[in-house]
Amino acid sequence: MANKSGKNIILFSNKVNIKPLSVNEAWQGKRFKTQKYKDWIDYSIIQLKSIPIPESQKLTLIVIFGVSSKASDIDNPLKPLLDLIQKKYLINDNRFYRLKVTKEIVKKGKEFIKFDIQKFK
């Protein structure tokens, strides 16, 4: 949310002094990629433009997920998207220093993923 000057209004700010958990630390047992996930990666890779990404730069990822359900969690599609970007562009996702993620509600059948990769500032 922004005020008239265009600056964001902070509704809540907090800090917890604890190391963030990775997905690997949060879940027990081996996770297996489903066939649906593998097919999604294969289909998506051919849809993406082939562009060179400069090596060794810190990056920002700006994403809009067009989803048809208001109940969709904003963070669930992030890891598959990061995996896709890593596989297509050979970018280790540890190079992303900022994520800006937006959820947009669309009609069923009109779902999409739009993303930009920028230099981190």
PDB file of N, CA and C in Angstrom:
ATOM      1  N   MET A   1       0.854  -1.169   0.000  1.00  0.00           N
ATOM      2  CA  MET A   1       0.000   0.000   0.000  1.00  0.00           C
ATOM      3  C   MET A   1       0.899   1.230   0.000  1.00  0.00           C
ATOM      4  N   ALA A   2       0.498   2.217  -0.781  1.00  0.00           N
ATOM      5  CA  ALA A   2       1.285   3.450  -0.855  1.00  0.00           C
ATOM      6  C   ALA A   2       0.418   4.640  -0.478  1.00  0.00           C
ATOM      7  N   ASN A   3       1.047   5.661   0.104  1.00  0.00           N
ATOM      8  CA  ASN A   3       0.311   6.881   0.416  1.00  0.00           C
ATOM      9  C   ASN A   3       0.374   7.822  -0.788  1.00  0.00           C
ATOM     10  N   LYS A   4      -0.127   9.054  -0.640  1.00  0.00           N
ATOM     11  CA  LYS A   4      -0.195   9.993  -1.764  1.00  0.00           C
ATOM     12  C   LYS A   4       1.176  10.329  -2.334  1.00  0.00           C
ATOM     13  N   SER A   5       2.204  10.264  -1.522  1.00  0.00           N
ATOM     14  CA  SER A   5       3.545  10.572  -2.002  1.00  0.00           C
ATOM     15  C   SER A   5       4.161   9.399  -2.759  1.00  0.00           C
ATOM     16  N   GLY A   6       3.460   8.256  -2.797  1.00  0.00           N
ATOM     17  CA  GLY A   6       3.973   7.085  -3.501  1.00  0.00           C
ATOM     18  C   GLY A   6       4.840   6.193  -2.638  1.00  0.00           C
ATOM     19  N   LYS A   7       5.068   6.582  -1.386  1.00  0.00           N
ATOM     20  CA  LYS A   7       5.887   5.766  -0.500  1.00  0.00           C
ATOM     21  C   LYS A   7       5.023   4.698   0.168  1.00  0.00           C
ATOM     22  N   ASN A   8       5.608   3.550   0.403  1.00  0.00           N
ATOM     23  CA  ASN A   8       4.874   2.468   1.051  1.00  0.00           C
ATOM     24  C   ASN A   8       4.587   2.799   2.511  1.00  0.00           C
ATOM     25  N   ILE A   9       3.430   2.384   2.956  1.00  0.00           N
ATOM     26  CA  ILE A   9       3.039   2.539   4.359  1.00  0.00           C
ATOM     27  C   ILE A   9       3.280   1.206   5.042  1.00  0.00           C
ATOM     28  N   ILE A  10       4.082   1.210   6.081  1.00  0.00           N
ATOM     29  CA  ILE A  10       4.364  -0.028   6.813  1.00  0.00           C
ATOM     30  C   ILE A  10       3.207  -0.306   7.759  1.00  0.00           C
ATOM     31  N   LEU A  11       2.571  -1.450   7.568  1.00  0.00           N
ATOM     32  CA  LEU A  11       1.478  -1.854   8.445  1.00  0.00           C
ATOM     33  C   LEU A  11       1.992  -2.622   9.658  1.00  0.00           C
ATOM     34  N   PHE A  12       3.109  -3.314   9.487  1.00  0.00           N
ATOM     35  CA  PHE A  12       3.653  -4.117  10.571  1.00  0.00           C
ATOM     36  C   PHE A  12       5.117  -4.387  10.270  1.00  0.00           C
ATOM     37  N   SER A  13       5.951  -4.294  11.262  1.00  0.00           N
ATOM     38  CA  SER A  13       7.362  -4.594  11.103  1.00  0.00           C
ATOM     39  C   SER A  13       7.827  -5.381  12.311  1.00  0.00           C
ATOM     40  N   ASN A  14       8.638  -6.386  12.087  1.00  0.00           N
ATOM     41  CA  ASN A  14       9.115  -7.210  13.182  1.00  0.00           C
ATOM     42  C   ASN A  14      10.396  -7.890  12.764  1.00  0.00           C
ATOM     43  N   LYS A  15      11.123  -8.403  13.734  1.00  0.00           N
ATOM     44  CA  LYS A  15      12.358  -9.134  13.476  1.00  0.00           C
ATOM     45  C   LYS A  15      12.461 -10.257  14.488  1.00  0.00           C
ATOM     46  N   VAL A  16      12.809 -11.452  14.007  1.00  0.00           N
ATOM     47  CA  VAL A  16      13.032 -12.600  14.877  1.00  0.00           C
ATOM     48  C   VAL A  16      14.491 -12.994  14.714  1.00  0.00           C
ATOM     49  N   ASN A  17      15.227 -13.011  15.793  1.00  0.00           N
ATOM     50  CA  ASN A  17      16.650 -13.335  15.737  1.00  0.00           C
ATOM     51  C   ASN A  17      16.854 -14.843  15.783  1.00  0.00           C
ATOM     52  N   ILE A  18      16.611 -15.470  14.642  1.00  0.00           N
ATOM     53  CA  ILE A  18      16.793 -16.906  14.496  1.00  0.00           C
ATOM     54  C   ILE A  18      17.139 -17.194  13.045  1.00  0.00           C
ATOM     55  N   LYS A  19      17.949 -18.215  12.824  1.00  0.00           N
ATOM     56  CA  LYS A  19      18.331 -18.582  11.460  1.00  0.00           C
ATOM     57  C   LYS A  19      17.099 -19.088  10.711  1.00  0.00           C
ATOM     58  N   PRO A  20      16.830 -18.566   9.498  1.00  0.00           N
ATOM     59  CA  PRO A  20      15.696 -19.069   8.721  1.00  0.00           C
ATOM     60  C   PRO A  20      15.883 -20.540   8.356  1.00  0.00           C
ATOM     61  N   LEU A  21      14.785 -21.282   8.343  1.00  0.00           N
ATOM     62  CA  LEU A  21      14.833 -22.693   7.955  1.00  0.00           C
ATOM     63  C   LEU A  21      14.760 -22.822   6.443  1.00  0.00           C
ATOM     64  N   SER A  22      15.518 -23.771   5.930  1.00  0.00           N
ATOM     65  CA  SER A  22      15.380 -24.110   4.516  1.00  0.00           C
ATOM     66  C   SER A  22      14.270 -25.159   4.391  1.00  0.00           C
ATOM     67  N   VAL A  23      13.800 -25.372   3.190  1.00  0.00           N
ATOM     68  CA  VAL A  23      12.794 -26.414   2.963  1.00  0.00           C
ATOM     69  C   VAL A  23      13.353 -27.765   3.399  1.00  0.00           C
ATOM     70  N   ASN A  24      14.637 -28.003   3.128  1.00  0.00           N
ATOM     71  CA  ASN A  24      15.261 -29.278   3.506  1.00  0.00           C
ATOM     72  C   ASN A  24      15.273 -29.477   5.026  1.00  0.00           C
ATOM     73  N   GLU A  25      15.407 -28.385   5.774  1.00  0.00           N
ATOM     74  CA  GLU A  25      15.411 -28.491   7.232  1.00  0.00           C
ATOM     75  C   GLU A  25      14.006 -28.607   7.802  1.00  0.00           C
ATOM     76  N   ALA A  26      13.015 -28.119   7.073  1.00  0.00           N
ATOM     77  CA  ALA A  26      11.648 -28.076   7.584  1.00  0.00           C
ATOM     78  C   ALA A  26      10.888 -29.388   7.409  1.00  0.00           C
ATOM     79  N   TRP A  27      11.286 -30.212   6.470  1.00  0.00           N
ATOM     80  CA  TRP A  27      10.551 -31.446   6.167  1.00  0.00           C
ATOM     81  C   TRP A  27      11.442 -32.658   6.340  1.00  0.00           C
ATOM     82  N   GLN A  28      10.876 -33.736   6.844  1.00  0.00           N
ATOM     83  CA  GLN A  28      11.611 -34.989   7.006  1.00  0.00           C
ATOM     84  C   GLN A  28      11.356 -35.900   5.813  1.00  0.00           C
ATOM     85  N   GLY A  29      12.296 -36.770   5.585  1.00  0.00           N
ATOM     86  CA  GLY A  29      12.093 -37.771   4.548  1.00  0.00           C
ATOM     87  C   GLY A  29      12.425 -37.256   3.164  1.00  0.00           C
ATOM     88  N   LYS A  30      12.497 -38.183   2.256  1.00  0.00           N
ATOM     89  CA  LYS A  30      12.827 -37.870   0.872  1.00  0.00           C
ATOM     90  C   LYS A  30      11.581 -37.412   0.137  1.00  0.00           C
ATOM     91  N   ARG A  31      11.727 -36.329  -0.618  1.00  0.00           N
ATOM     92  CA  ARG A  31      10.623 -35.840  -1.452  1.00  0.00           C
ATOM     93  C   ARG A  31      10.930 -36.226  -2.894  1.00  0.00           C
ATOM     94  N   PHE A  32       9.914 -36.640  -3.607  1.00  0.00           N
ATOM     95  CA  PHE A  32      10.084 -37.048  -4.995  1.00  0.00           C
ATOM     96  C   PHE A  32       9.311 -36.103  -5.901  1.00  0.00           C
ATOM     97  N   LYS A  33       9.920 -35.743  -7.020  1.00  0.00           N
ATOM     98  CA  LYS A  33       9.245 -34.910  -7.999  1.00  0.00           C
ATOM     99  C   LYS A  33       8.201 -35.764  -8.722  1.00  0.00           C
ATOM    100  N   THR A  34       7.007 -35.219  -8.839  1.00  0.00           N
ATOM    101  CA  THR A  34       5.931 -35.944  -9.509  1.00  0.00           C
ATOM    102  C   THR A  34       6.123 -35.871 -11.026  1.00  0.00           C
ATOM    103  N   GLN A  35       5.420 -36.738 -11.726  1.00  0.00           N
ATOM    104  CA  GLN A  35       5.462 -36.681 -13.188  1.00  0.00           C
ATOM    105  C   GLN A  35       4.873 -35.361 -13.682  1.00  0.00           C
ATOM    106  N   LYS A  36       3.849 -34.870 -12.982  1.00  0.00           N
ATOM    107  CA  LYS A  36       3.237 -33.585 -13.352  1.00  0.00           C
ATOM    108  C   LYS A  36       4.271 -32.458 -13.257  1.00  0.00           C
ATOM    109  N   TYR A  37       5.090 -32.484 -12.197  1.00  0.00           N
ATOM    110  CA  TYR A  37       6.151 -31.487 -12.022  1.00  0.00           C
ATOM    111  C   TYR A  37       7.167 -31.599 -13.161  1.00  0.00           C
ATOM    112  N   LYS A  38       7.606 -32.814 -13.468  1.00  0.00           N
ATOM    113  CA  LYS A  38       8.589 -33.016 -14.538  1.00  0.00           C
ATOM    114  C   LYS A  38       8.038 -32.539 -15.882  1.00  0.00           C
ATOM    115  N   ASP A  39       6.771 -32.854 -16.160  1.00  0.00           N
ATOM    116  CA  ASP A  39       6.138 -32.416 -17.407  1.00  0.00           C
ATOM    117  C   ASP A  39       6.024 -30.890 -17.451  1.00  0.00           C
ATOM    118  N   TRP A  40       5.704 -30.281 -16.299  1.00  0.00           N
ATOM    119  CA  TRP A  40       5.595 -28.819 -16.201  1.00  0.00           C
ATOM    120  C   TRP A  40       6.937 -28.166 -16.534  1.00  0.00           C
ATOM    121  N   ILE A  41       8.013 -28.700 -15.973  1.00  0.00           N
ATOM    122  CA  ILE A  41       9.368 -28.177 -16.245  1.00  0.00           C
ATOM    123  C   ILE A  41       9.682 -28.311 -17.736  1.00  0.00           C
ATOM    124  N   ASP A  42       9.454 -29.501 -18.290  1.00  0.00           N
ATOM    125  CA  ASP A  42       9.783 -29.746 -19.698  1.00  0.00           C
ATOM    126  C   ASP A  42       9.004 -28.802 -20.625  1.00  0.00           C
ATOM    127  N   TYR A  43       7.709 -28.633 -20.362  1.00  0.00           N
ATOM    128  CA  TYR A  43       6.879 -27.751 -21.184  1.00  0.00           C
ATOM    129  C   TYR A  43       7.327 -26.292 -21.037  1.00  0.00           C
ATOM    130  N   SER A  44       7.557 -25.880 -19.811  1.00  0.00           N
ATOM    131  CA  SER A  44       7.910 -24.486 -19.535  1.00  0.00           C
ATOM    132  C   SER A  44       9.260 -24.109 -20.123  1.00  0.00           C
ATOM    133  N   ILE A  45      10.217 -25.014 -20.092  1.00  0.00           N
ATOM    134  CA  ILE A  45      11.564 -24.723 -20.609  1.00  0.00           C
ATOM    135  C   ILE A  45      11.507 -24.330 -22.076  1.00  0.00           C
ATOM    136  N   ILE A  46      10.680 -25.014 -22.867  1.00  0.00           N
ATOM    137  CA  ILE A  46      10.623 -24.669 -24.283  1.00  0.00           C
ATOM    138  C   ILE A  46       9.840 -23.382 -24.529  1.00  0.00           C
ATOM    139  N   GLN A  47       9.030 -22.963 -23.574  1.00  0.00           N
ATOM    140  CA  GLN A  47       8.265 -21.721 -23.723  1.00  0.00           C
ATOM    141  C   GLN A  47       9.099 -20.483 -23.420  1.00  0.00           C
ATOM    142  N   LEU A  48      10.155 -20.637 -22.637  1.00  0.00           N
ATOM    143  CA  LEU A  48      10.960 -19.491 -22.203  1.00  0.00           C
ATOM    144  C   LEU A  48      11.968 -19.069 -23.263  1.00  0.00           C
ATOM    145  N   LYS A  49      12.181 -17.764 -23.367  1.00  0.00           N
ATOM    146  CA  LYS A  49      13.194 -17.226 -24.262  1.00  0.00           C
ATOM    147  C   LYS A  49      14.575 -17.628 -23.755  1.00  0.00           C
ATOM    148  N   SER A  50      15.480 -17.887 -24.688  1.00  0.00           N
ATOM    149  CA  SER A  50      16.872 -18.153 -24.320  1.00  0.00           C
ATOM    150  C   SER A  50      17.621 -16.835 -24.331  1.00  0.00           C
ATOM    151  N   ILE A  51      18.017 -16.399 -23.154  1.00  0.00           N
ATOM    152  CA  ILE A  51      18.768 -15.152 -23.030  1.00  0.00           C
ATOM    153  C   ILE A  51      19.952 -15.373 -22.103  1.00  0.00           C
ATOM    154  N   PRO A  52      21.075 -14.730 -22.371  1.00  0.00           N
ATOM    155  CA  PRO A  52      22.216 -14.873 -21.465  1.00  0.00           C
ATOM    156  C   PRO A  52      22.001 -14.046 -20.198  1.00  0.00           C
ATOM    157  N   ILE A  53      22.313 -14.622 -19.082  1.00  0.00           N
ATOM    158  CA  ILE A  53      22.259 -13.922 -17.798  1.00  0.00           C
ATOM    159  C   ILE A  53      23.710 -13.735 -17.344  1.00  0.00           C
ATOM    160  N   PRO A  54      24.130 -12.504 -17.088  1.00  0.00           N
ATOM    161  CA  PRO A  54      25.520 -12.284 -16.663  1.00  0.00           C
ATOM    162  C   PRO A  54      25.865 -13.121 -15.432  1.00  0.00           C
ATOM    163  N   GLU A  55      27.034 -13.693 -15.454  1.00  0.00           N
ATOM    164  CA  GLU A  55      27.478 -14.526 -14.337  1.00  0.00           C
ATOM    165  C   GLU A  55      27.909 -13.675 -13.151  1.00  0.00           C
ATOM    166  N   SER A  56      27.819 -14.258 -11.990  1.00  0.00           N
ATOM    167  CA  SER A  56      28.341 -13.697 -10.739  1.00  0.00           C
ATOM    168  C   SER A  56      27.727 -12.368 -10.329  1.00  0.00           C
ATOM    169  N   GLN A  57      26.527 -12.063 -10.781  1.00  0.00           N
ATOM    170  CA  GLN A  57      25.861 -10.840 -10.318  1.00  0.00           C
ATOM    171  C   GLN A  57      24.749 -11.223  -9.355  1.00  0.00           C
ATOM    172  N   LYS A  58      24.539 -10.365  -8.369  1.00  0.00           N
ATOM    173  CA  LYS A  58      23.385 -10.516  -7.503  1.00  0.00           C
ATOM    174  C   LYS A  58      22.150 -10.135  -8.307  1.00  0.00           C
ATOM    175  N   LEU A  59      21.054 -10.864  -8.105  1.00  0.00           N
ATOM    176  CA  LEU A  59      19.869 -10.675  -8.937  1.00  0.00           C
ATOM    177  C   LEU A  59      18.617 -10.417  -8.111  1.00  0.00           C
ATOM    178  N   THR A  60      17.647  -9.799  -8.755  1.00  0.00           N
ATOM    179  CA  THR A  60      16.304  -9.597  -8.219  1.00  0.00           C
ATOM    180  C   THR A  60      15.336 -10.327  -9.138  1.00  0.00           C
ATOM    181  N   LEU A  61      14.380 -11.026  -8.555  1.00  0.00           N
ATOM    182  CA  LEU A  61      13.337 -11.708  -9.321  1.00  0.00           C
ATOM    183  C   LEU A  61      12.002 -11.059  -8.993  1.00  0.00           C
ATOM    184  N   ILE A  62      11.333 -10.563 -10.026  1.00  0.00           N
ATOM    185  CA  ILE A  62      10.017  -9.955  -9.872  1.00  0.00           C
ATOM    186  C   ILE A  62       9.019 -10.883 -10.565  1.00  0.00           C
ATOM    187  N   VAL A  63       8.038 -11.363  -9.814  1.00  0.00           N
ATOM    188  CA  VAL A  63       7.128 -12.395 -10.318  1.00  0.00           C
ATOM    189  C   VAL A  63       5.675 -11.983 -10.114  1.00  0.00           C
ATOM    190  N   ILE A  64       4.854 -12.292 -11.110  1.00  0.00           N
ATOM    191  CA  ILE A  64       3.401 -12.217 -10.950  1.00  0.00           C
ATOM    192  C   ILE A  64       2.868 -13.613 -11.254  1.00  0.00           C
ATOM    193  N   PHE A  65       2.187 -14.192 -10.284  1.00  0.00           N
ATOM    194  CA  PHE A  65       1.510 -15.463 -10.491  1.00  0.00           C
ATOM    195  C   PHE A  65       0.039 -15.172 -10.739  1.00  0.00           C
ATOM    196  N   GLY A  66      -0.453 -15.485 -11.915  1.00  0.00           N
ATOM    197  CA  GLY A  66      -1.872 -15.372 -12.216  1.00  0.00           C
ATOM    198  C   GLY A  66      -2.528 -16.686 -11.851  1.00  0.00           C
ATOM    199  N   VAL A  67      -3.310 -16.686 -10.783  1.00  0.00           N
ATOM    200  CA  VAL A  67      -3.952 -17.907 -10.277  1.00  0.00           C
ATOM    201  C   VAL A  67      -5.465 -17.728 -10.295  1.00  0.00           C
ATOM    202  N   SER A  68      -6.180 -18.835 -10.386  1.00  0.00           N
ATOM    203  CA  SER A  68      -7.641 -18.750 -10.483  1.00  0.00           C
ATOM    204  C   SER A  68      -8.338 -18.956  -9.143  1.00  0.00           C
ATOM    205  N   SER A  69      -7.576 -19.236  -8.099  1.00  0.00           N
ATOM    206  CA  SER A  69      -8.172 -19.455  -6.785  1.00  0.00           C
ATOM    207  C   SER A  69      -7.613 -18.464  -5.770  1.00  0.00           C
ATOM    208  N   LYS A  70      -8.497 -17.779  -5.071  1.00  0.00           N
ATOM    209  CA  LYS A  70      -8.062 -16.868  -4.010  1.00  0.00           C
ATOM    210  C   LYS A  70      -7.374 -17.622  -2.881  1.00  0.00           C
ATOM    211  N   ALA A  71      -7.636 -18.921  -2.781  1.00  0.00           N
ATOM    212  CA  ALA A  71      -7.044 -19.736  -1.720  1.00  0.00           C
ATOM    213  C   ALA A  71      -5.597 -20.146  -2.025  1.00  0.00           C
ATOM    214  N   SER A  72      -5.121 -19.867  -3.231  1.00  0.00           N
ATOM    215  CA  SER A  72      -3.746 -20.224  -3.592  1.00  0.00           C
ATOM    216  C   SER A  72      -2.755 -19.459  -2.718  1.00  0.00           C
ATOM    217  N   ASP A  73      -1.805 -20.182  -2.149  1.00  0.00           N
ATOM    218  CA  ASP A  73      -0.746 -19.542  -1.366  1.00  0.00           C
ATOM    219  C   ASP A  73       0.243 -18.872  -2.314  1.00  0.00           C
ATOM    220  N   ILE A  74       0.676 -17.686  -1.956  1.00  0.00           N
ATOM    221  CA  ILE A  74       1.581 -16.918  -2.815  1.00  0.00           C
ATOM    222  C   ILE A  74       2.963 -17.568  -2.919  1.00  0.00           C
ATOM    223  N   ASP A  75       3.374 -18.325  -1.906  1.00  0.00           N
ATOM    224  CA  ASP A  75       4.723 -18.883  -1.902  1.00  0.00           C
ATOM    225  C   ASP A  75       4.833 -20.271  -2.528  1.00  0.00           C
ATOM    226  N   ASN A  76       3.726 -20.995  -2.691  1.00  0.00           N
ATOM    227  CA  ASN A  76       3.817 -22.370  -3.205  1.00  0.00           C
ATOM    228  C   ASN A  76       4.451 -22.485  -4.584  1.00  0.00           C
ATOM    229  N   PRO A  77       4.154 -21.609  -5.529  1.00  0.00           N
ATOM    230  CA  PRO A  77       4.779 -21.773  -6.851  1.00  0.00           C
ATOM    231  C   PRO A  77       6.202 -21.227  -6.956  1.00  0.00           C
ATOM    232  N   LEU A  78       6.723 -20.624  -5.886  1.00  0.00           N
ATOM    233  CA  LEU A  78       8.060 -20.019  -5.974  1.00  0.00           C
ATOM    234  C   LEU A  78       9.172 -21.039  -6.217  1.00  0.00           C
ATOM    235  N   LYS A  79       9.210 -22.108  -5.459  1.00  0.00           N
ATOM    236  CA  LYS A  79      10.301 -23.081  -5.597  1.00  0.00           C
ATOM    237  C   LYS A  79      10.296 -23.740  -6.973  1.00  0.00           C
ATOM    238  N   PRO A  80       9.131 -24.183  -7.492  1.00  0.00           N
ATOM    239  CA  PRO A  80       9.164 -24.724  -8.858  1.00  0.00           C
ATOM    240  C   PRO A  80       9.639 -23.694  -9.892  1.00  0.00           C
ATOM    241  N   LEU A  81       9.242 -22.425  -9.728  1.00  0.00           N
ATOM    242  CA  LEU A  81       9.705 -21.394 -10.656  1.00  0.00           C
ATOM    243  C   LEU A  81      11.212 -21.202 -10.542  1.00  0.00           C
ATOM    244  N   LEU A  82      11.731 -21.151  -9.331  1.00  0.00           N
ATOM    245  CA  LEU A  82      13.178 -21.010  -9.152  1.00  0.00           C
ATOM    246  C   LEU A  82      13.923 -22.208  -9.743  1.00  0.00           C
ATOM    247  N   ASP A  83      13.365 -23.405  -9.580  1.00  0.00           N
ATOM    248  CA  ASP A  83      13.961 -24.600 -10.189  1.00  0.00           C
ATOM    249  C   ASP A  83      13.978 -24.476 -11.711  1.00  0.00           C
ATOM    250  N   LEU A  84      12.880 -23.991 -12.279  1.00  0.00           N
ATOM    251  CA  LEU A  84      12.778 -23.813 -13.727  1.00  0.00           C
ATOM    252  C   LEU A  84      13.820 -22.808 -14.225  1.00  0.00           C
ATOM    253  N   ILE A  85      13.921 -21.676 -13.547  1.00  0.00           N
ATOM    254  CA  ILE A  85      14.894 -20.647 -13.927  1.00  0.00           C
ATOM    255  C   ILE A  85      16.313 -21.199 -13.832  1.00  0.00           C
ATOM    256  N   GLN A  86      16.575 -21.951 -12.779  1.00  0.00           N
ATOM    257  CA  GLN A  86      17.905 -22.528 -12.597  1.00  0.00           C
ATOM    258  C   GLN A  86      18.236 -23.491 -13.736  1.00  0.00           C
ATOM    259  N   LYS A  87      17.265 -24.315 -14.115  1.00  0.00           N
ATOM    260  CA  LYS A  87      17.506 -25.304 -15.171  1.00  0.00           C
ATOM    261  C   LYS A  87      17.635 -24.640 -16.542  1.00  0.00           C
ATOM    262  N   LYS A  88      16.774 -23.672 -16.851  1.00  0.00           N
ATOM    263  CA  LYS A  88      16.781 -23.023 -18.169  1.00  0.00           C
ATOM    264  C   LYS A  88      17.983 -22.107 -18.355  1.00  0.00           C
ATOM    265  N   TYR A  89      18.255 -21.285 -17.350  1.00  0.00           N
ATOM    266  CA  TYR A  89      19.276 -20.241 -17.498  1.00  0.00           C
ATOM    267  C   TYR A  89      20.585 -20.553 -16.771  1.00  0.00           C
ATOM    268  N   LEU A  90      20.654 -21.730 -16.155  1.00  0.00           N
ATOM    269  CA  LEU A  90      21.861 -22.158 -15.439  1.00  0.00           C
ATOM    270  C   LEU A  90      22.282 -21.143 -14.378  1.00  0.00           C
ATOM    271  N   ILE A  91      21.264 -20.624 -13.673  1.00  0.00           N
ATOM    272  CA  ILE A  91      21.486 -19.665 -12.593  1.00  0.00           C
ATOM    273  C   ILE A  91      21.266 -20.391 -11.272  1.00  0.00           C
ATOM    274  N   ASN A  92      22.248 -20.370 -10.408  1.00  0.00           N
ATOM    275  CA  ASN A  92      22.035 -20.905  -9.072  1.00  0.00           C
ATOM    276  C   ASN A  92      21.110 -19.941  -8.338  1.00  0.00           C
ATOM    277  N   ASP A  93      20.041 -20.458  -7.760  1.00  0.00           N
ATOM    278  CA  ASP A  93      19.065 -19.552  -7.133  1.00  0.00           C
ATOM    279  C   ASP A  93      19.597 -18.854  -5.888  1.00  0.00           C
ATOM    280  N   ASN A  94      20.804 -19.190  -5.449  1.00  0.00           N
ATOM    281  CA  ASN A  94      21.393 -18.434  -4.338  1.00  0.00           C
ATOM    282  C   ASN A  94      21.847 -17.048  -4.781  1.00  0.00           C
ATOM    283  N   ARG A  95      21.792 -16.769  -6.081  1.00  0.00           N
ATOM    284  CA  ARG A  95      22.151 -15.441  -6.599  1.00  0.00           C
ATOM    285  C   ARG A  95      21.008 -14.445  -6.476  1.00  0.00           C
ATOM    286  N   PHE A  96      19.808 -14.918  -6.136  1.00  0.00           N
ATOM    287  CA  PHE A  96      18.679 -14.007  -5.958  1.00  0.00           C
ATOM    288  C   PHE A  96      18.727 -13.421  -4.551  1.00  0.00           C
ATOM    289  N   TYR A  97      18.825 -12.109  -4.486  1.00  0.00           N
ATOM    290  CA  TYR A  97      18.902 -11.398  -3.214  1.00  0.00           C
ATOM    291  C   TYR A  97      17.606 -10.663  -2.891  1.00  0.00           C
ATOM    292  N   ARG A  98      16.726 -10.561  -3.867  1.00  0.00           N
ATOM    293  CA  ARG A  98      15.440  -9.922  -3.625  1.00  0.00           C
ATOM    294  C   ARG A  98      14.395 -10.622  -4.491  1.00  0.00           C
ATOM    295  N   LEU A  99      13.253 -10.885  -3.877  1.00  0.00           N
ATOM    296  CA  LEU A  99      12.092 -11.422  -4.581  1.00  0.00           C
ATOM    297  C   LEU A  99      10.936 -10.458  -4.376  1.00  0.00           C
ATOM    298  N   LYS A 100      10.257 -10.128  -5.439  1.00  0.00           N
ATOM    299  CA  LYS A 100       9.032  -9.347  -5.339  1.00  0.00           C
ATOM    300  C   LYS A 100       7.957 -10.204  -5.996  1.00  0.00           C
ATOM    301  N   VAL A 101       7.007 -10.655  -5.204  1.00  0.00           N
ATOM    302  CA  VAL A 101       6.019 -11.632  -5.676  1.00  0.00           C
ATOM    303  C   VAL A 101       4.618 -11.042  -5.531  1.00  0.00           C
ATOM    304  N   THR A 102       3.846 -11.149  -6.601  1.00  0.00           N
ATOM    305  CA  THR A 102       2.479 -10.663  -6.622  1.00  0.00           C
ATOM    306  C   THR A 102       1.562 -11.803  -7.048  1.00  0.00           C
ATOM    307  N   LYS A 103       0.413 -11.899  -6.383  1.00  0.00           N
ATOM    308  CA  LYS A 103      -0.620 -12.860  -6.767  1.00  0.00           C
ATOM    309  C   LYS A 103      -1.750 -12.078  -7.411  1.00  0.00           C
ATOM    310  N   GLU A 104      -2.134 -12.506  -8.610  1.00  0.00           N
ATOM    311  CA  GLU A 104      -3.221 -11.860  -9.335  1.00  0.00           C
ATOM    312  C   GLU A 104      -4.295 -12.917  -9.612  1.00  0.00           C
ATOM    313  N   ILE A 105      -5.536 -12.615  -9.286  1.00  0.00           N
ATOM    314  CA  ILE A 105      -6.630 -13.563  -9.512  1.00  0.00           C
ATOM    315  C   ILE A 105      -7.130 -13.402 -10.954  1.00  0.00           C
ATOM    316  N   VAL A 106      -7.180 -14.524 -11.670  1.00  0.00           N
ATOM    317  CA  VAL A 106      -7.627 -14.548 -13.063  1.00  0.00           C
ATOM    318  C   VAL A 106      -8.696 -15.633 -13.225  1.00  0.00           C
ATOM    319  N   LYS A 107      -9.356 -15.632 -14.356  1.00  0.00           N
ATOM    320  CA  LYS A 107     -10.357 -16.659 -14.630  1.00  0.00           C
ATOM    321  C   LYS A 107      -9.677 -18.010 -14.823  1.00  0.00           C
ATOM    322  N   LYS A 108     -10.364 -19.081 -14.434  1.00  0.00           N
ATOM    323  CA  LYS A 108      -9.843 -20.437 -14.613  1.00  0.00           C
ATOM    324  C   LYS A 108      -9.521 -20.653 -16.090  1.00  0.00           C
ATOM    325  N   GLY A 109      -8.367 -21.220 -16.350  1.00  0.00           N
ATOM    326  CA  GLY A 109      -7.905 -21.428 -17.715  1.00  0.00           C
ATOM    327  C   GLY A 109      -7.036 -20.289 -18.237  1.00  0.00           C
ATOM    328  N   LYS A 110      -6.948 -19.193 -17.488  1.00  0.00           N
ATOM    329  CA  LYS A 110      -6.143 -18.025 -17.882  1.00  0.00           C
ATOM    330  C   LYS A 110      -4.936 -17.841 -16.962  1.00  0.00           C
ATOM    331  N   GLU A 111      -4.574 -18.875 -16.216  1.00  0.00           N
ATOM    332  CA  GLU A 111      -3.455 -18.788 -15.271  1.00  0.00           C
ATOM    333  C   GLU A 111      -2.150 -18.508 -16.036  1.00  0.00           C
ATOM    334  N   PHE A 112      -1.210 -17.850 -15.353  1.00  0.00           N
ATOM    335  CA  PHE A 112       0.071 -17.528 -15.983  1.00  0.00           C
ATOM    336  C   PHE A 112       1.145 -17.283 -14.926  1.00  0.00           C
ATOM    337  N   ILE A 113       2.369 -17.242 -15.409  1.00  0.00           N
ATOM    338  CA  ILE A 113       3.523 -16.813 -14.612  1.00  0.00           C
ATOM    339  C   ILE A 113       4.259 -15.790 -15.464  1.00  0.00           C
ATOM    340  N   LYS A 114       4.478 -14.615 -14.910  1.00  0.00           N
ATOM    341  CA  LYS A 114       5.272 -13.584 -15.581  1.00  0.00           C
ATOM    342  C   LYS A 114       6.413 -13.240 -14.640  1.00  0.00           C
ATOM    343  N   PHE A 115       7.624 -13.174 -15.179  1.00  0.00           N
ATOM    344  CA  PHE A 115       8.730 -12.802 -14.306  1.00  0.00           C
ATOM    345  C   PHE A 115       9.778 -11.984 -15.052  1.00  0.00           C
ATOM    346  N   ASP A 116      10.453 -11.157 -14.282  1.00  0.00           N
ATOM    347  CA  ASP A 116      11.586 -10.365 -14.760  1.00  0.00           C
ATOM    348  C   ASP A 116      12.769 -10.683 -13.861  1.00  0.00           C
ATOM    349  N   ILE A 117      13.929 -10.746 -14.478  1.00  0.00           N
ATOM    350  CA  ILE A 117      15.183 -10.898 -13.729  1.00  0.00           C
ATOM    351  C   ILE A 117      15.961  -9.604 -13.919  1.00  0.00           C
ATOM    352  N   GLN A 118      16.324  -8.980 -12.805  1.00  0.00           N
ATOM    353  CA  GLN A 118      17.034  -7.711 -12.844  1.00  0.00           C
ATOM    354  C   GLN A 118      18.314  -7.809 -12.012  1.00  0.00           C
ATOM    355  N   LYS A 119      19.209  -6.863 -12.251  1.00  0.00           N
ATOM    356  CA  LYS A 119      20.366  -6.732 -11.370  1.00  0.00           C
ATOM    357  C   LYS A 119      19.869  -6.277 -10.005  1.00  0.00           C
ATOM    358  N   PHE A 120      20.425  -6.844  -8.969  1.00  0.00           N
ATOM    359  CA  PHE A 120      20.074  -6.445  -7.608  1.00  0.00           C
ATOM    360  C   PHE A 120      20.700  -5.086  -7.314  1.00  0.00           C
ATOM    361  N   LYS A 121      19.909  -4.183  -6.760  1.00  0.00           N
ATOM    362  CA  LYS A 121      20.426  -2.860  -6.406  1.00  0.00           C
ATOM    363  C   LYS A 121      20.416  -2.697  -4.910  1.00  0.00           C
TER     364      LYS A 121
END
